[in-house]
PDB file of N, CA and C in Angstrom:
ATOM      1  N   UNK A   1     -26.462 -19.618 -46.288  1.00  0.00           N
ATOM      2  CA  UNK A   1     -25.259 -19.122 -46.342  1.00  0.00           C
ATOM      3  C   UNK A   1     -24.315 -20.220 -45.741  1.00  0.00           C
ATOM      4  N   UNK A   2     -23.088 -20.553 -46.548  1.00  0.00           N
ATOM      5  CA  UNK A   2     -22.275 -21.502 -45.915  1.00  0.00           C
ATOM      6  C   UNK A   2     -21.164 -20.692 -45.290  1.00  0.00           C
ATOM      7  N   UNK A   3     -20.905 -21.021 -43.966  1.00  0.00           N
ATOM      8  CA  UNK A   3     -19.773 -20.375 -43.301  1.00  0.00           C
ATOM      9  C   UNK A   3     -18.548 -21.288 -43.265  1.00  0.00           C
ATOM     10  N   UNK A   4     -17.340 -20.759 -43.400  1.00  0.00           N
ATOM     11  CA  UNK A   4     -16.235 -21.660 -43.292  1.00  0.00           C
ATOM     12  C   UNK A   4     -15.158 -21.004 -42.471  1.00  0.00           C
ATOM     13  N   UNK A   5     -14.289 -21.738 -41.917  1.00  0.00           N
ATOM     14  CA  UNK A   5     -13.083 -21.225 -41.243  1.00  0.00           C
ATOM     15  C   UNK A   5     -11.829 -21.843 -41.775  1.00  0.00           C
ATOM     16  N   UNK A   6     -10.918 -21.082 -42.142  1.00  0.00           N
ATOM     17  CA  UNK A   6      -9.682 -21.630 -42.533  1.00  0.00           C
ATOM     18  C   UNK A   6      -8.489 -21.252 -41.684  1.00  0.00           C
ATOM     19  N   UNK A   7      -7.782 -22.350 -41.161  1.00  0.00           N
ATOM     20  CA  UNK A   7      -6.515 -22.109 -40.425  1.00  0.00           C
ATOM     21  C   UNK A   7      -5.333 -22.755 -41.138  1.00  0.00           C
ATOM     22  N   UNK A   8      -4.318 -21.857 -41.269  1.00  0.00           N
ATOM     23  CA  UNK A   8      -3.217 -22.425 -42.024  1.00  0.00           C
ATOM     24  C   UNK A   8      -2.053 -21.470 -41.878  1.00  0.00           C
ATOM     25  N   UNK A   9      -1.009 -21.934 -42.691  1.00  0.00           N
ATOM     26  CA  UNK A   9       0.241 -21.109 -42.739  1.00  0.00           C
ATOM     27  C   UNK A   9       0.745 -20.838 -44.021  1.00  0.00           C
ATOM     28  N   UNK A  10       0.949 -19.566 -44.361  1.00  0.00           N
ATOM     29  CA  UNK A  10       1.554 -19.153 -45.731  1.00  0.00           C
ATOM     30  C   UNK A  10       2.782 -19.689 -45.937  1.00  0.00           C
ATOM     31  N   UNK A  11       3.618 -19.756 -44.818  1.00  0.00           N
ATOM     32  CA  UNK A  11       5.028 -20.120 -44.832  1.00  0.00           C
ATOM     33  C   UNK A  11       5.197 -21.522 -45.189  1.00  0.00           C
ATOM     34  N   UNK A  12       4.326 -22.425 -44.464  1.00  0.00           N
ATOM     35  CA  UNK A  12       4.293 -23.928 -44.871  1.00  0.00           C
ATOM     36  C   UNK A  12       3.499 -24.383 -45.942  1.00  0.00           C
ATOM     37  N   UNK A  13       2.699 -23.352 -46.604  1.00  0.00           N
ATOM     38  CA  UNK A  13       1.781 -23.626 -47.677  1.00  0.00           C
ATOM     39  C   UNK A  13       0.679 -24.646 -47.323  1.00  0.00           C
ATOM     40  N   UNK A  14       0.146 -24.664 -46.201  1.00  0.00           N
ATOM     41  CA  UNK A  14      -0.772 -25.709 -45.864  1.00  0.00           C
ATOM     42  C   UNK A  14      -2.048 -24.943 -45.042  1.00  0.00           C
ATOM     43  N   UNK A  15      -3.166 -25.677 -45.170  1.00  0.00           N
ATOM     44  CA  UNK A  15      -4.236 -25.113 -44.374  1.00  0.00           C
ATOM     45  C   UNK A  15      -5.389 -26.252 -44.272  1.00  0.00           C
ATOM     46  N   UNK A  16      -6.183 -26.026 -43.257  1.00  0.00           N
ATOM     47  CA  UNK A  16      -7.316 -26.848 -42.929  1.00  0.00           C
ATOM     48  C   UNK A  16      -8.519 -25.969 -43.040  1.00  0.00           C
ATOM     49  N   UNK A  17      -9.568 -26.548 -43.708  1.00  0.00           N
ATOM     50  CA  UNK A  17     -10.896 -25.812 -43.852  1.00  0.00           C
ATOM     51  C   UNK A  17     -11.962 -26.452 -43.099  1.00  0.00           C
ATOM     52  N   UNK A  18     -12.534 -25.622 -42.231  1.00  0.00           N
ATOM     53  CA  UNK A  18     -13.467 -26.179 -41.403  1.00  0.00           C
ATOM     54  C   UNK A  18     -14.835 -25.736 -41.595  1.00  0.00           C
ATOM     55  N   UNK A  19     -15.918 -26.545 -41.268  1.00  0.00           N
ATOM     56  CA  UNK A  19     -17.330 -26.186 -41.498  1.00  0.00           C
ATOM     57  C   UNK A  19     -17.707 -25.225 -40.451  1.00  0.00           C
ATOM     58  N   UNK A  20     -17.962 -23.905 -40.822  1.00  0.00           N
ATOM     59  CA  UNK A  20     -18.359 -22.864 -39.843  1.00  0.00           C
ATOM     60  C   UNK A  20     -17.458 -22.825 -38.689  1.00  0.00           C
ATOM     61  N   UNK A  21     -18.057 -22.563 -37.548  1.00  0.00           N
ATOM     62  CA  UNK A  21     -17.382 -22.454 -36.203  1.00  0.00           C
ATOM     63  C   UNK A  21     -17.139 -23.810 -35.661  1.00  0.00           C
ATOM     64  N   UNK A  22     -17.480 -24.774 -36.281  1.00  0.00           N
ATOM     65  CA  UNK A  22     -17.300 -26.137 -35.683  1.00  0.00           C
ATOM     66  C   UNK A  22     -15.933 -26.624 -35.973  1.00  0.00           C
ATOM     67  N   UNK A  23     -15.617 -27.959 -35.369  1.00  0.00           N
ATOM     68  CA  UNK A  23     -14.299 -28.492 -35.488  1.00  0.00           C
ATOM     69  C   UNK A  23     -14.416 -29.560 -36.671  1.00  0.00           C
ATOM     70  N   UNK A  24     -15.362 -29.502 -37.430  1.00  0.00           N
ATOM     71  CA  UNK A  24     -15.535 -30.577 -38.613  1.00  0.00           C
ATOM     72  C   UNK A  24     -14.781 -30.125 -39.782  1.00  0.00           C
ATOM     73  N   UNK A  25     -13.776 -30.991 -40.113  1.00  0.00           N
ATOM     74  CA  UNK A  25     -12.838 -30.635 -41.219  1.00  0.00           C
ATOM     75  C   UNK A  25     -13.469 -31.080 -42.606  1.00  0.00           C
ATOM     76  N   UNK A  26     -13.463 -30.152 -43.391  1.00  0.00           N
ATOM     77  CA  UNK A  26     -14.109 -30.430 -44.753  1.00  0.00           C
ATOM     78  C   UNK A  26     -13.065 -30.580 -45.770  1.00  0.00           C
ATOM     79  N   UNK A  27     -11.860 -29.974 -45.711  1.00  0.00           N
ATOM     80  CA  UNK A  27     -10.675 -30.151 -46.573  1.00  0.00           C
ATOM     81  C   UNK A  27      -9.588 -29.874 -45.876  1.00  0.00           C
ATOM     82  N   UNK A  28      -8.312 -30.386 -46.561  1.00  0.00           N
ATOM     83  CA  UNK A  28      -6.962 -30.066 -45.986  1.00  0.00           C
ATOM     84  C   UNK A  28      -6.208 -29.925 -47.354  1.00  0.00           C
ATOM     85  N   UNK A  29      -5.304 -28.988 -47.295  1.00  0.00           N
ATOM     86  CA  UNK A  29      -4.482 -28.557 -48.366  1.00  0.00           C
ATOM     87  C   UNK A  29      -3.096 -28.491 -47.771  1.00  0.00           C
ATOM     88  N   UNK A  30      -2.072 -29.136 -48.549  1.00  0.00           N
ATOM     89  CA  UNK A  30      -0.679 -29.098 -48.056  1.00  0.00           C
ATOM     90  C   UNK A  30       0.261 -29.066 -49.261  1.00  0.00           C
ATOM     91  N   UNK A  31       1.289 -28.469 -49.268  1.00  0.00           N
ATOM     92  CA  UNK A  31       2.301 -28.335 -50.261  1.00  0.00           C
ATOM     93  C   UNK A  31       2.963 -29.619 -50.439  1.00  0.00           C
ATOM     94  N   UNK A  32       3.036 -30.064 -51.749  1.00  0.00           N
ATOM     95  CA  UNK A  32       3.609 -31.477 -51.921  1.00  0.00           C
ATOM     96  C   UNK A  32       4.986 -31.239 -52.530  1.00  0.00           C
ATOM     97  N   UNK A  33       5.872 -31.889 -51.792  1.00  0.00           N
ATOM     98  CA  UNK A  33       7.336 -31.736 -52.162  1.00  0.00           C
ATOM     99  C   UNK A  33       7.679 -32.868 -53.073  1.00  0.00           C
ATOM    100  N   UNK A  34       8.045 -32.602 -54.366  1.00  0.00           N
ATOM    101  CA  UNK A  34       8.463 -33.632 -55.190  1.00  0.00           C
ATOM    102  C   UNK A  34       9.747 -33.204 -55.976  1.00  0.00           C
ATOM    103  N   UNK A  35      10.423 -34.073 -56.609  1.00  0.00           N
ATOM    104  CA  UNK A  35      11.708 -33.822 -57.396  1.00  0.00           C
ATOM    105  C   UNK A  35      11.274 -32.725 -58.474  1.00  0.00           C
ATOM    106  N   UNK A  36      10.102 -32.987 -59.150  1.00  0.00           N
ATOM    107  CA  UNK A  36       9.625 -31.976 -60.139  1.00  0.00           C
ATOM    108  C   UNK A  36       9.490 -30.546 -59.420  1.00  0.00           C
ATOM    109  N   UNK A  37       8.830 -30.462 -58.252  1.00  0.00           N
ATOM    110  CA  UNK A  37       8.594 -29.127 -57.727  1.00  0.00           C
ATOM    111  C   UNK A  37      10.003 -28.503 -57.347  1.00  0.00           C
ATOM    112  N   UNK A  38      11.071 -29.278 -56.853  1.00  0.00           N
ATOM    113  CA  UNK A  38      12.238 -28.806 -56.627  1.00  0.00           C
ATOM    114  C   UNK A  38      13.107 -28.389 -57.804  1.00  0.00           C
ATOM    115  N   UNK A  39      13.136 -29.284 -58.754  1.00  0.00           N
ATOM    116  CA  UNK A  39      14.035 -29.203 -59.942  1.00  0.00           C
ATOM    117  C   UNK A  39      13.434 -28.046 -60.835  1.00  0.00           C
ATOM    118  N   UNK A  40      12.056 -27.975 -61.016  1.00  0.00           N
ATOM    119  CA  UNK A  40      11.603 -27.016 -61.958  1.00  0.00           C
ATOM    120  C   UNK A  40      10.754 -25.921 -61.463  1.00  0.00           C
ATOM    121  N   UNK A  41      10.785 -25.927 -60.228  1.00  0.00           N
ATOM    122  CA  UNK A  41      10.071 -24.703 -59.419  1.00  0.00           C
ATOM    123  C   UNK A  41       8.498 -24.764 -59.498  1.00  0.00           C
ATOM    124  N   UNK A  42       8.028 -25.822 -59.890  1.00  0.00           N
ATOM    125  CA  UNK A  42       6.582 -25.986 -59.911  1.00  0.00           C
ATOM    126  C   UNK A  42       6.067 -26.237 -58.542  1.00  0.00           C
ATOM    127  N   UNK A  43       4.762 -25.417 -58.290  1.00  0.00           N
ATOM    128  CA  UNK A  43       4.071 -25.613 -57.052  1.00  0.00           C
ATOM    129  C   UNK A  43       3.126 -26.694 -57.188  1.00  0.00           C
ATOM    130  N   UNK A  44       3.071 -27.633 -56.389  1.00  0.00           N
ATOM    131  CA  UNK A  44       2.091 -28.743 -56.371  1.00  0.00           C
ATOM    132  C   UNK A  44       1.549 -28.778 -55.067  1.00  0.00           C
ATOM    133  N   UNK A  45       0.185 -29.243 -54.973  1.00  0.00           N
ATOM    134  CA  UNK A  45      -0.532 -29.282 -53.650  1.00  0.00           C
ATOM    135  C   UNK A  45      -1.254 -30.613 -53.605  1.00  0.00           C
ATOM    136  N   UNK A  46      -1.379 -31.155 -52.529  1.00  0.00           N
ATOM    137  CA  UNK A  46      -2.183 -32.123 -52.286  1.00  0.00           C
ATOM    138  C   UNK A  46      -3.377 -31.743 -51.540  1.00  0.00           C
ATOM    139  N   UNK A  47      -4.573 -31.975 -52.072  1.00  0.00           N
ATOM    140  CA  UNK A  47      -5.873 -31.550 -51.521  1.00  0.00           C
ATOM    141  C   UNK A  47      -6.685 -32.753 -51.320  1.00  0.00           C
ATOM    142  N   UNK A  48      -7.172 -32.809 -49.893  1.00  0.00           N
ATOM    143  CA  UNK A  48      -7.982 -33.877 -49.478  1.00  0.00           C
ATOM    144  C   UNK A  48      -9.361 -33.252 -49.166  1.00  0.00           C
ATOM    145  N   UNK A  49     -10.346 -33.681 -49.888  1.00  0.00           N
ATOM    146  CA  UNK A  49     -11.742 -33.249 -49.744  1.00  0.00           C
ATOM    147  C   UNK A  49     -12.528 -34.322 -49.159  1.00  0.00           C
ATOM    148  N   UNK A  50     -13.184 -33.880 -48.025  1.00  0.00           N
ATOM    149  CA  UNK A  50     -13.900 -34.894 -47.230  1.00  0.00           C
ATOM    150  C   UNK A  50     -15.261 -35.186 -47.880  1.00  0.00           C
ATOM    151  N   UNK A  51     -15.980 -36.154 -47.419  1.00  0.00           N
ATOM    152  CA  UNK A  51     -17.324 -36.624 -47.916  1.00  0.00           C
ATOM    153  C   UNK A  51     -18.322 -35.492 -47.928  1.00  0.00           C
ATOM    154  N   UNK A  52     -19.241 -35.473 -48.882  1.00  0.00           N
ATOM    155  CA  UNK A  52     -20.222 -34.400 -48.983  1.00  0.00           C
ATOM    156  C   UNK A  52     -19.760 -33.098 -49.184  1.00  0.00           C
ATOM    157  N   UNK A  53     -18.565 -32.905 -49.644  1.00  0.00           N
ATOM    158  CA  UNK A  53     -18.187 -31.402 -49.802  1.00  0.00           C
ATOM    159  C   UNK A  53     -18.003 -31.259 -51.310  1.00  0.00           C
ATOM    160  N   UNK A  54     -18.227 -30.019 -51.744  1.00  0.00           N
ATOM    161  CA  UNK A  54     -18.198 -29.699 -53.122  1.00  0.00           C
ATOM    162  C   UNK A  54     -16.780 -29.372 -53.620  1.00  0.00           C
ATOM    163  N   UNK A  55     -16.249 -30.275 -54.550  1.00  0.00           N
ATOM    164  CA  UNK A  55     -14.806 -30.016 -54.882  1.00  0.00           C
ATOM    165  C   UNK A  55     -14.519 -28.653 -55.488  1.00  0.00           C
ATOM    166  N   UNK A  56     -15.484 -28.328 -56.501  1.00  0.00           N
ATOM    167  CA  UNK A  56     -15.374 -26.940 -56.997  1.00  0.00           C
ATOM    168  C   UNK A  56     -15.263 -25.841 -56.017  1.00  0.00           C
ATOM    169  N   UNK A  57     -15.951 -25.964 -54.923  1.00  0.00           N
ATOM    170  CA  UNK A  57     -15.969 -24.921 -53.859  1.00  0.00           C
ATOM    171  C   UNK A  57     -14.419 -24.932 -53.249  1.00  0.00           C
ATOM    172  N   UNK A  58     -13.918 -26.052 -52.977  1.00  0.00           N
ATOM    173  CA  UNK A  58     -12.684 -26.064 -52.406  1.00  0.00           C
ATOM    174  C   UNK A  58     -11.516 -25.546 -53.355  1.00  0.00           C
ATOM    175  N   UNK A  59     -11.688 -25.998 -54.609  1.00  0.00           N
ATOM    176  CA  UNK A  59     -10.733 -25.416 -55.644  1.00  0.00           C
ATOM    177  C   UNK A  59     -10.839 -23.962 -55.861  1.00  0.00           C
ATOM    178  N   UNK A  60     -12.097 -23.467 -55.742  1.00  0.00           N
ATOM    179  CA  UNK A  60     -12.298 -22.115 -55.725  1.00  0.00           C
ATOM    180  C   UNK A  60     -11.615 -21.216 -54.566  1.00  0.00           C
ATOM    181  N   UNK A  61     -11.625 -21.954 -53.382  1.00  0.00           N
ATOM    182  CA  UNK A  61     -11.066 -21.340 -52.280  1.00  0.00           C
ATOM    183  C   UNK A  61      -9.530 -21.290 -52.457  1.00  0.00           C
ATOM    184  N   UNK A  62      -8.943 -22.393 -52.982  1.00  0.00           N
ATOM    185  CA  UNK A  62      -7.429 -22.387 -53.323  1.00  0.00           C
ATOM    186  C   UNK A  62      -7.097 -21.244 -54.177  1.00  0.00           C
ATOM    187  N   UNK A  63      -7.945 -21.047 -55.152  1.00  0.00           N
ATOM    188  CA  UNK A  63      -7.602 -19.914 -56.165  1.00  0.00           C
ATOM    189  C   UNK A  63      -7.645 -18.672 -55.515  1.00  0.00           C
ATOM    190  N   UNK A  64      -8.703 -18.368 -54.625  1.00  0.00           N
ATOM    191  CA  UNK A  64      -8.945 -17.129 -53.946  1.00  0.00           C
ATOM    192  C   UNK A  64      -7.795 -16.951 -53.135  1.00  0.00           C
ATOM    193  N   UNK A  65      -7.317 -17.945 -52.221  1.00  0.00           N
ATOM    194  CA  UNK A  65      -6.191 -17.763 -51.290  1.00  0.00           C
ATOM    195  C   UNK A  65      -5.019 -17.473 -52.017  1.00  0.00           C
ATOM    196  N   UNK A  66      -4.765 -18.092 -53.230  1.00  0.00           N
ATOM    197  CA  UNK A  66      -3.546 -17.753 -54.059  1.00  0.00           C
ATOM    198  C   UNK A  66      -3.562 -16.311 -54.543  1.00  0.00           C
ATOM    199  N   UNK A  67      -4.630 -15.902 -54.981  1.00  0.00           N
ATOM    200  CA  UNK A  67      -4.705 -14.486 -55.311  1.00  0.00           C
ATOM    201  C   UNK A  67      -4.624 -13.469 -54.168  1.00  0.00           C
ATOM    202  N   UNK A  68      -5.180 -13.846 -53.036  1.00  0.00           N
ATOM    203  CA  UNK A  68      -4.980 -12.855 -51.863  1.00  0.00           C
ATOM    204  C   UNK A  68      -3.381 -12.881 -51.591  1.00  0.00           C
ATOM    205  N   UNK A  69      -2.816 -14.036 -51.678  1.00  0.00           N
ATOM    206  CA  UNK A  69      -1.324 -14.186 -51.405  1.00  0.00           C
ATOM    207  C   UNK A  69      -0.514 -13.440 -52.407  1.00  0.00           C
ATOM    208  N   UNK A  70      -1.103 -13.536 -53.689  1.00  0.00           N
ATOM    209  CA  UNK A  70      -0.179 -12.921 -54.863  1.00  0.00           C
ATOM    210  C   UNK A  70      -0.414 -11.395 -54.726  1.00  0.00           C
ATOM    211  N   UNK A  71      -1.439 -10.766 -54.208  1.00  0.00           N
ATOM    212  CA  UNK A  71      -1.588  -9.366 -53.959  1.00  0.00           C
ATOM    213  C   UNK A  71      -0.624  -8.951 -53.031  1.00  0.00           C
ATOM    214  N   UNK A  72      -0.238  -9.696 -52.085  1.00  0.00           N
ATOM    215  CA  UNK A  72       0.768  -9.216 -51.095  1.00  0.00           C
ATOM    216  C   UNK A  72       2.260  -9.546 -51.512  1.00  0.00           C
ATOM    217  N   UNK A  73       2.355 -10.201 -52.586  1.00  0.00           N
ATOM    218  CA  UNK A  73       3.692 -10.543 -53.087  1.00  0.00           C
ATOM    219  C   UNK A  73       3.487 -10.335 -54.640  1.00  0.00           C
ATOM    220  N   UNK A  74       3.471  -9.117 -55.206  1.00  0.00           N
ATOM    221  CA  UNK A  74       3.276  -8.889 -56.563  1.00  0.00           C
ATOM    222  C   UNK A  74       4.394  -9.454 -57.671  1.00  0.00           C
ATOM    223  N   UNK A  75       5.536  -9.914 -57.063  1.00  0.00           N
ATOM    224  CA  UNK A  75       6.663 -10.413 -57.991  1.00  0.00           C
ATOM    225  C   UNK A  75       6.309 -11.750 -58.536  1.00  0.00           C
ATOM    226  N   UNK A  76       5.614 -12.646 -57.746  1.00  0.00           N
ATOM    227  CA  UNK A  76       5.347 -13.935 -58.404  1.00  0.00           C
ATOM    228  C   UNK A  76       3.950 -14.490 -57.974  1.00  0.00           C
ATOM    229  N   UNK A  77       3.510 -15.425 -58.817  1.00  0.00           N
ATOM    230  CA  UNK A  77       2.259 -16.082 -58.424  1.00  0.00           C
ATOM    231  C   UNK A  77       2.368 -17.197 -57.482  1.00  0.00           C
ATOM    232  N   UNK A  78       1.329 -17.342 -56.678  1.00  0.00           N
ATOM    233  CA  UNK A  78       1.376 -18.337 -55.686  1.00  0.00           C
ATOM    234  C   UNK A  78       0.069 -19.341 -55.930  1.00  0.00           C
ATOM    235  N   UNK A  79      -0.472 -19.048 -57.100  1.00  0.00           N
ATOM    236  CA  UNK A  79      -1.464 -20.076 -57.392  1.00  0.00           C
ATOM    237  C   UNK A  79      -0.789 -21.433 -57.912  1.00  0.00           C
ATOM    238  N   UNK A  80      -1.232 -22.524 -57.357  1.00  0.00           N
ATOM    239  CA  UNK A  80      -0.383 -23.730 -57.689  1.00  0.00           C
ATOM    240  C   UNK A  80      -0.433 -24.049 -59.147  1.00  0.00           C
ATOM    241  N   UNK A  81       0.626 -24.650 -59.657  1.00  0.00           N
ATOM    242  CA  UNK A  81       0.734 -25.001 -61.097  1.00  0.00           C
ATOM    243  C   UNK A  81      -0.006 -26.402 -61.274  1.00  0.00           C
ATOM    244  N   UNK A  82      -0.215 -27.188 -60.232  1.00  0.00           N
ATOM    245  CA  UNK A  82      -0.809 -28.509 -60.324  1.00  0.00           C
ATOM    246  C   UNK A  82      -1.715 -28.858 -59.045  1.00  0.00           C
ATOM    247  N   UNK A  83      -2.806 -29.475 -59.284  1.00  0.00           N
ATOM    248  CA  UNK A  83      -3.445 -29.915 -57.993  1.00  0.00           C
ATOM    249  C   UNK A  83      -3.702 -31.416 -58.003  1.00  0.00           C
ATOM    250  N   UNK A  84      -3.703 -32.104 -57.051  1.00  0.00           N
ATOM    251  CA  UNK A  84      -4.076 -33.478 -56.842  1.00  0.00           C
ATOM    252  C   UNK A  84      -5.162 -33.473 -55.810  1.00  0.00           C
ATOM    253  N   UNK A  85      -6.357 -33.821 -56.119  1.00  0.00           N
ATOM    254  CA  UNK A  85      -7.440 -33.866 -55.259  1.00  0.00           C
ATOM    255  C   UNK A  85      -7.839 -35.172 -54.950  1.00  0.00           C
ATOM    256  N   UNK A  86      -7.841 -35.459 -53.530  1.00  0.00           N
ATOM    257  CA  UNK A  86      -8.216 -36.809 -53.075  1.00  0.00           C
ATOM    258  C   UNK A  86      -9.432 -36.767 -52.191  1.00  0.00           C
ATOM    259  N   UNK A  87     -10.294 -37.767 -52.214  1.00  0.00           N
ATOM    260  CA  UNK A  87     -11.436 -37.748 -51.400  1.00  0.00           C
ATOM    261  C   UNK A  87     -11.313 -38.907 -50.314  1.00  0.00           C
TER     262      UNK A  87
END
């Protein structure tokens, strides 16, 4: 079983994903502010995935976190419209 810890802020739309109870960072997710996101209301995130980490797992976490947040705010979706994944 893989254990993870996620620390972040809904308000700032950012988080850090750690491997288990360690301080080893496996991914970082931050809201990306662009002209497009401001003008058209699109949500864009910059996702940095570290070495030897499954990208699909991190993207699945993002979707799950978005769904959790959406449940608490039923009026709008918080799932990002666009992802930029960097390693």
